[in-house]
Structures are given as C-alpha cells and as structure tokens.
Amino acid sequence: MFAKETNVNVSKNLTIYDMYLLKNEMTTFGYLSILDRIWNKVVENRARGIETRVYIDEFQVIINPSQPEILRVQASEIYSRIRKYLGCPTFMTQSAETMLSTMEGRSILFNSDFLILLEQKGEVLDALVDRFKLTEKEAMYLQNNRVGTGLIIAGGQIIPFSNLIPKETKLFELMNTSRKNENQLTA
C-alpha cells in the first residue's frame, strides 16, 4: 500500500502498527488505512466469536484539531461501535486538553466507561470537574502534581488513588520512567 507489499502477517493474534516514520502528506491516508484495517479485523473476529482488544497510544495525534475531520470522525465512529462488535477499545493520551478541543474527542472522553485521569489544569480541570461532578476533594487528586496520584472513573464510580512509591526502594527504581534516571537504568 505504501510502495511495496507488506511482509507482515496481519493474521496473527497481535499486530502493532507504528506510524512514527509516516510524517508527510501520506500521514492521514496512513492513519485512515490502519483504522480501516483495525475495523475490518474487529468485524472479522466478531463473526468468529472472538473478542478484539484495540489499543491506540498517543491518541491525541489522531484526534487533534489540526487533523482532517474525516480522520477524527473515523476514529470516533470506531470507538463508539467497537464494543457492540465484541471489541474493547483502549485509547491512551497524555492530553485531555486535546481530547476536549474537538467534538469527536469530547464524545470519546465523556462516553468512556473507564478513565484514569492524572494531573489536569485550568479549563480542562474545570470541564472534568463539571462533567463528572467531582467534589473539591476529588478534584485535588487532579490538581495535585504529585506523580502517582489521580482518579479512576469506572461505571460512574469515582475512585481517588495515591500510588506513591518511596524513592529509595527497588520498586521505584524498576517503575521510574523519569528521563533523568534513563542513564542510571541502562548503565
């Protein structure tokens, strides 16, 4: 599709699409093609009685207002329909602000049965507090910029969490994703 026939077997149980190198006028077409392939796999698996789990990381890239509307609409439609087809969508983003900046992103965010929310600020925090009717105490878990705190919203229930790990422990060393410690972990 993108210059030559693929050597990847897309019939396997796990398929990963990496769009990192597709950064030109083919980006939109690339995303649309992959979303189409994912949807076709979901439909095919449903016919066979197989559940399909779809994970899209850095979702803010697809739902961003700078992307063509057709791409945002396609992603939103897949998200809203996939559960009816024995699918489980998991869209991950570090930018709730971008999700709230488009109608499609708002629809996905506010129609999700399960959310994990970390630190938020300004208008985004206000929108989340308003939409999920967060108490002042619950909102503190999103205002507090302590790594490891936030809210889980699941089926209408709001669960604050604080998963602080002492820095001097082996667990912290294993779980730490801070760039400062990248050299320490690989040295």
C-alpha atoms as a PDB file:
ATOM      1  CA  MET A   1       0.000   0.000   0.000  1.00  0.00           C
ATOM      2  CA  PHE A   2       2.852   2.393   0.802  1.00  0.00           C
ATOM      3  CA  ALA A   3       5.245   1.477  -2.021  1.00  0.00           C
ATOM      4  CA  LYS A   4       5.553  -2.294  -1.645  1.00  0.00           C
ATOM      5  CA  GLU A   5       3.747  -5.393  -0.486  1.00  0.00           C
ATOM      6  CA  THR A   6       3.946  -5.985   3.251  1.00  0.00           C
ATOM      7  CA  ASN A   7       5.941  -8.813   4.773  1.00  0.00           C
ATOM      8  CA  VAL A   8       3.917  -8.575   7.999  1.00  0.00           C
ATOM      9  CA  ASN A   9       1.406 -11.303   8.728  1.00  0.00           C
ATOM     10  CA  VAL A  10      -1.641  -9.332   9.883  1.00  0.00           C
ATOM     11  CA  SER A  11      -3.478 -12.583  10.658  1.00  0.00           C
ATOM     12  CA  LYS A  12      -1.531 -13.065  13.882  1.00  0.00           C
ATOM     13  CA  ASN A  13      -3.121 -12.604  17.316  1.00  0.00           C
ATOM     14  CA  LEU A  14      -1.125  -9.422  17.904  1.00  0.00           C
ATOM     15  CA  THR A  15      -0.482  -6.754  15.299  1.00  0.00           C
ATOM     16  CA  ILE A  16       1.303  -3.483  16.024  1.00  0.00           C
ATOM     17  CA  TYR A  17       1.122  -0.556  13.634  1.00  0.00           C
ATOM     18  CA  ASP A  18       3.886   2.016  14.116  1.00  0.00           C
ATOM     19  CA  MET A  19       3.213   5.346  12.425  1.00  0.00           C
ATOM     20  CA  TYR A  20       6.321   7.102  13.680  1.00  0.00           C
ATOM     21  CA  LEU A  21       8.083   7.320  10.314  1.00  0.00           C
ATOM     22  CA  LEU A  22       4.998   8.290   8.314  1.00  0.00           C
ATOM     23  CA  LYS A  23       5.294  12.067   8.587  1.00  0.00           C
ATOM     24  CA  ASN A  24       4.357  13.599   5.268  1.00  0.00           C
ATOM     25  CA  GLU A  25       1.348  14.042   3.034  1.00  0.00           C
ATOM     26  CA  MET A  26       0.620  10.310   3.482  1.00  0.00           C
ATOM     27  CA  THR A  27       0.006  10.595   7.242  1.00  0.00           C
ATOM     28  CA  THR A  28      -3.772  10.999   7.043  1.00  0.00           C
ATOM     29  CA  PHE A  29      -4.073   8.245   4.472  1.00  0.00           C
ATOM     30  CA  GLY A  30      -1.871   6.040   6.648  1.00  0.00           C
ATOM     31  CA  TYR A  31      -3.992   6.556   9.738  1.00  0.00           C
ATOM     32  CA  LEU A  32      -7.220   6.007   7.799  1.00  0.00           C
ATOM     33  CA  SER A  33      -5.828   2.803   6.280  1.00  0.00           C
ATOM     34  CA  ILE A  34      -4.797   1.458   9.654  1.00  0.00           C
ATOM     35  CA  LEU A  35      -8.127   2.389  11.266  1.00  0.00           C
ATOM     36  CA  ASP A  36      -9.879   0.632   8.365  1.00  0.00           C
ATOM     37  CA  ARG A  37      -7.701  -2.461   8.850  1.00  0.00           C
ATOM     38  CA  ILE A  38      -8.431  -2.468  12.581  1.00  0.00           C
ATOM     39  CA  TRP A  39     -12.184  -2.150  11.981  1.00  0.00           C
ATOM     40  CA  ASN A  40     -12.154  -4.962   9.410  1.00  0.00           C
ATOM     41  CA  LYS A  41     -10.313  -7.194  11.901  1.00  0.00           C
ATOM     42  CA  VAL A  42     -12.879  -6.394  14.612  1.00  0.00           C
ATOM     43  CA  VAL A  43     -15.748  -7.297  12.246  1.00  0.00           C
ATOM     44  CA  GLU A  44     -13.972 -10.467  11.098  1.00  0.00           C
ATOM     45  CA  ASN A  45     -13.276 -11.542  14.688  1.00  0.00           C
ATOM     46  CA  ARG A  46     -16.876 -10.862  15.744  1.00  0.00           C
ATOM     47  CA  ALA A  47     -18.120 -13.214  13.032  1.00  0.00           C
ATOM     48  CA  ARG A  48     -15.834 -15.862  14.550  1.00  0.00           C
ATOM     49  CA  GLY A  49     -16.921 -15.072  18.140  1.00  0.00           C
ATOM     50  CA  ILE A  50     -13.538 -13.633  19.078  1.00  0.00           C
ATOM     51  CA  GLU A  51     -13.099 -10.540  21.264  1.00  0.00           C
ATOM     52  CA  THR A  52     -10.721  -7.933  19.855  1.00  0.00           C
ATOM     53  CA  ARG A  53      -8.743  -5.569  22.048  1.00  0.00           C
ATOM     54  CA  VAL A  54      -7.632  -2.372  20.365  1.00  0.00           C
ATOM     55  CA  TYR A  55      -5.005  -0.150  21.996  1.00  0.00           C
ATOM     56  CA  ILE A  56      -4.137   3.206  20.478  1.00  0.00           C
ATOM     57  CA  ASP A  57      -1.385   5.118  22.240  1.00  0.00           C
ATOM     58  CA  GLU A  58      -0.761   8.845  21.780  1.00  0.00           C
ATOM     59  CA  PHE A  59      -4.369   9.177  20.631  1.00  0.00           C
ATOM     60  CA  GLN A  60      -4.138  12.970  20.756  1.00  0.00           C
ATOM     61  CA  VAL A  61      -2.252  12.784  17.447  1.00  0.00           C
ATOM     62  CA  ILE A  62      -5.327  11.368  15.674  1.00  0.00           C
ATOM     63  CA  ILE A  63      -7.986  13.449  17.447  1.00  0.00           C
ATOM     64  CA  ASN A  64      -6.040  16.723  17.231  1.00  0.00           C
ATOM     65  CA  PRO A  65      -7.978  19.644  15.656  1.00  0.00           C
ATOM     66  CA  SER A  66      -5.163  20.019  13.117  1.00  0.00           C
ATOM     67  CA  GLN A  67      -6.040  16.610  11.668  1.00  0.00           C
ATOM     68  CA  PRO A  68      -8.656  16.385   8.904  1.00  0.00           C
ATOM     69  CA  GLU A  69     -12.199  15.929  10.178  1.00  0.00           C
ATOM     70  CA  ILE A  70     -12.543  12.636   8.289  1.00  0.00           C
ATOM     71  CA  LEU A  71      -9.789  11.088  10.413  1.00  0.00           C
ATOM     72  CA  ARG A  72     -11.267  12.312  13.706  1.00  0.00           C
ATOM     73  CA  VAL A  73     -14.755  11.110  12.702  1.00  0.00           C
ATOM     74  CA  GLN A  74     -13.441   7.683  11.644  1.00  0.00           C
ATOM     75  CA  ALA A  75     -11.641   7.207  14.972  1.00  0.00           C
ATOM     76  CA  SER A  76     -14.711   8.337  16.918  1.00  0.00           C
ATOM     77  CA  GLU A  77     -17.018   6.000  14.980  1.00  0.00           C
ATOM     78  CA  ILE A  78     -14.755   3.021  15.549  1.00  0.00           C
ATOM     79  CA  TYR A  79     -14.571   3.814  19.256  1.00  0.00           C
ATOM     80  CA  SER A  80     -18.343   4.106  19.596  1.00  0.00           C
ATOM     81  CA  ARG A  81     -19.096   0.922  17.634  1.00  0.00           C
ATOM     82  CA  ILE A  82     -16.316  -1.441  18.643  1.00  0.00           C
ATOM     83  CA  ARG A  83     -17.923  -2.611  21.911  1.00  0.00           C
ATOM     84  CA  LYS A  84     -21.011  -3.793  20.003  1.00  0.00           C
ATOM     85  CA  TYR A  85     -18.688  -5.981  17.932  1.00  0.00           C
ATOM     86  CA  LEU A  86     -17.047  -7.897  20.804  1.00  0.00           C
ATOM     87  CA  GLY A  87     -14.290  -5.300  20.984  1.00  0.00           C
ATOM     88  CA  CYS A  88     -12.588  -3.484  23.803  1.00  0.00           C
ATOM     89  CA  PRO A  89     -11.139  -0.089  22.827  1.00  0.00           C
ATOM     90  CA  THR A  90      -8.383   1.493  24.898  1.00  0.00           C
ATOM     91  CA  PHE A  91      -7.331   4.909  23.664  1.00  0.00           C
ATOM     92  CA  MET A  92      -4.473   6.469  25.631  1.00  0.00           C
ATOM     93  CA  THR A  93      -3.424  10.092  25.671  1.00  0.00           C
ATOM     94  CA  GLN A  94      -1.422  12.434  27.820  1.00  0.00           C
ATOM     95  CA  SER A  95      -3.528  15.344  26.620  1.00  0.00           C
ATOM     96  CA  ALA A  96      -7.070  15.605  27.937  1.00  0.00           C
ATOM     97  CA  GLU A  97      -6.897  19.163  26.619  1.00  0.00           C
ATOM     98  CA  THR A  98      -6.631  17.898  23.038  1.00  0.00           C
ATOM     99  CA  MET A  99      -9.476  15.450  23.653  1.00  0.00           C
ATOM    100  CA  LEU A 100     -11.669  18.321  24.823  1.00  0.00           C
ATOM    101  CA  SER A 101     -10.712  20.534  21.870  1.00  0.00           C
ATOM    102  CA  THR A 102     -12.740  18.584  19.280  1.00  0.00           C
ATOM    103  CA  MET A 103     -16.321  17.346  19.250  1.00  0.00           C
ATOM    104  CA  GLU A 104     -15.083  13.827  18.452  1.00  0.00           C
ATOM    105  CA  GLY A 105     -12.571  13.875  21.314  1.00  0.00           C
ATOM    106  CA  ARG A 106     -15.171  15.133  23.788  1.00  0.00           C
ATOM    107  CA  SER A 107     -17.555  12.394  22.662  1.00  0.00           C
ATOM    108  CA  ILE A 108     -14.942   9.693  23.228  1.00  0.00           C
ATOM    109  CA  LEU A 109     -13.780  11.093  26.565  1.00  0.00           C
ATOM    110  CA  PHE A 110     -17.221  11.674  28.023  1.00  0.00           C
ATOM    111  CA  ASN A 111     -18.709   8.389  26.766  1.00  0.00           C
ATOM    112  CA  SER A 112     -15.955   6.196  28.170  1.00  0.00           C
ATOM    113  CA  ASP A 113     -16.932   3.727  30.883  1.00  0.00           C
ATOM    114  CA  PHE A 114     -13.418   3.657  32.308  1.00  0.00           C
ATOM    115  CA  LEU A 115     -10.962   6.532  32.664  1.00  0.00           C
ATOM    116  CA  ILE A 116      -7.723   7.028  34.516  1.00  0.00           C
ATOM    117  CA  LEU A 117      -7.108  10.741  34.967  1.00  0.00           C
ATOM    118  CA  LEU A 118      -3.850  12.246  36.166  1.00  0.00           C
ATOM    119  CA  GLU A 119      -2.849  15.870  36.736  1.00  0.00           C
ATOM    120  CA  GLN A 120      -5.025  18.435  34.947  1.00  0.00           C
ATOM    121  CA  LYS A 121      -5.048  22.227  34.967  1.00  0.00           C
ATOM    122  CA  GLY A 122      -7.154  25.239  34.049  1.00  0.00           C
ATOM    123  CA  GLU A 123     -10.120  24.868  31.730  1.00  0.00           C
ATOM    124  CA  VAL A 124      -9.539  21.141  31.293  1.00  0.00           C
ATOM    125  CA  LEU A 125      -9.780  20.578  35.028  1.00  0.00           C
ATOM    126  CA  ASP A 126     -12.893  22.767  35.166  1.00  0.00           C
ATOM    127  CA  ALA A 127     -14.522  20.774  32.339  1.00  0.00           C
ATOM    128  CA  LEU A 128     -13.747  17.452  34.036  1.00  0.00           C
ATOM    129  CA  VAL A 129     -14.987  18.668  37.416  1.00  0.00           C
ATOM    130  CA  ASP A 130     -18.208  19.879  35.801  1.00  0.00           C
ATOM    131  CA  ARG A 131     -18.813  16.806  33.614  1.00  0.00           C
ATOM    132  CA  PHE A 132     -18.091  14.196  36.289  1.00  0.00           C
ATOM    133  CA  LYS A 133     -19.491  16.265  39.191  1.00  0.00           C
ATOM    134  CA  LEU A 134     -16.221  15.956  41.106  1.00  0.00           C
ATOM    135  CA  THR A 135     -16.104  17.107  44.699  1.00  0.00           C
ATOM    136  CA  GLU A 136     -13.419  19.536  45.807  1.00  0.00           C
ATOM    137  CA  LYS A 137     -11.566  16.671  47.483  1.00  0.00           C
ATOM    138  CA  GLU A 138     -11.705  14.521  44.314  1.00  0.00           C
ATOM    139  CA  ALA A 139     -10.533  17.446  42.180  1.00  0.00           C
ATOM    140  CA  MET A 140      -7.491  17.776  44.460  1.00  0.00           C
ATOM    141  CA  TYR A 141      -6.248  14.437  43.130  1.00  0.00           C
ATOM    142  CA  LEU A 142      -6.090  16.023  39.670  1.00  0.00           C
ATOM    143  CA  GLN A 143      -4.713  19.390  40.803  1.00  0.00           C
ATOM    144  CA  ASN A 144      -2.007  17.850  42.901  1.00  0.00           C
ATOM    145  CA  ASN A 145       1.042  17.474  40.688  1.00  0.00           C
ATOM    146  CA  ARG A 146       2.410  14.549  42.686  1.00  0.00           C
ATOM    147  CA  VAL A 147       3.373  11.708  40.372  1.00  0.00           C
ATOM    148  CA  GLY A 148       1.289   8.641  41.168  1.00  0.00           C
ATOM    149  CA  THR A 149      -1.973  10.351  42.139  1.00  0.00           C
ATOM    150  CA  GLY A 150      -5.183  10.725  40.198  1.00  0.00           C
ATOM    151  CA  LEU A 151      -8.716   9.455  39.737  1.00  0.00           C
ATOM    152  CA  ILE A 152     -10.193   6.321  38.272  1.00  0.00           C
ATOM    153  CA  ILE A 153     -13.696   6.784  36.904  1.00  0.00           C
ATOM    154  CA  ALA A 154     -15.365   3.450  36.305  1.00  0.00           C
ATOM    155  CA  GLY A 155     -19.043   2.883  35.657  1.00  0.00           C
ATOM    156  CA  GLY A 156     -19.979   6.160  37.309  1.00  0.00           C
ATOM    157  CA  GLN A 157     -17.881   5.477  40.401  1.00  0.00           C
ATOM    158  CA  ILE A 158     -15.012   7.845  41.199  1.00  0.00           C
ATOM    159  CA  ILE A 159     -12.023   6.284  42.910  1.00  0.00           C
ATOM    160  CA  PRO A 160      -9.172   8.549  44.059  1.00  0.00           C
ATOM    161  CA  PHE A 161      -5.767   6.888  44.153  1.00  0.00           C
ATOM    162  CA  SER A 162      -2.367   7.698  45.505  1.00  0.00           C
ATOM    163  CA  ASN A 163       0.245   5.242  44.358  1.00  0.00           C
ATOM    164  CA  LEU A 164       3.328   6.943  45.739  1.00  0.00           C
ATOM    165  CA  ILE A 165       6.372   4.686  45.831  1.00  0.00           C
ATOM    166  CA  PRO A 166       9.270   5.637  48.135  1.00  0.00           C
ATOM    167  CA  LYS A 167      12.244   6.706  46.002  1.00  0.00           C
ATOM    168  CA  GLU A 168      14.767   4.611  47.911  1.00  0.00           C
ATOM    169  CA  THR A 169      13.078   1.301  47.041  1.00  0.00           C
ATOM    170  CA  LYS A 170      13.890  -1.245  44.363  1.00  0.00           C
ATOM    171  CA  LEU A 171      10.287  -0.985  43.132  1.00  0.00           C
ATOM    172  CA  PHE A 172      10.750   2.748  42.479  1.00  0.00           C
ATOM    173  CA  GLU A 173      13.948   2.020  40.559  1.00  0.00           C
ATOM    174  CA  LEU A 174      12.129  -0.537  38.392  1.00  0.00           C
ATOM    175  CA  MET A 175       8.980   1.553  37.822  1.00  0.00           C
ATOM    176  CA  ASN A 176      10.519   5.019  37.393  1.00  0.00           C
ATOM    177  CA  THR A 177      10.023   6.433  33.894  1.00  0.00           C
ATOM    178  CA  SER A 178      11.685   9.777  34.515  1.00  0.00           C
ATOM    179  CA  ARG A 179      14.176  10.730  31.795  1.00  0.00           C
ATOM    180  CA  LYS A 180      16.645  11.852  34.480  1.00  0.00           C
ATOM    181  CA  ASN A 181      17.176   8.254  35.501  1.00  0.00           C
ATOM    182  CA  GLU A 182      17.366   6.820  31.987  1.00  0.00           C
ATOM    183  CA  ASN A 183      21.173   6.706  32.032  1.00  0.00           C
ATOM    184  CA  GLN A 184      21.231   5.185  35.511  1.00  0.00           C
ATOM    185  CA  LEU A 185      18.946   2.356  34.429  1.00  0.00           C
ATOM    186  CA  THR A 186      20.931   1.497  31.307  1.00  0.00           C
ATOM    187  CA  ALA A 187      24.432   1.985  32.745  1.00  0.00           C
END
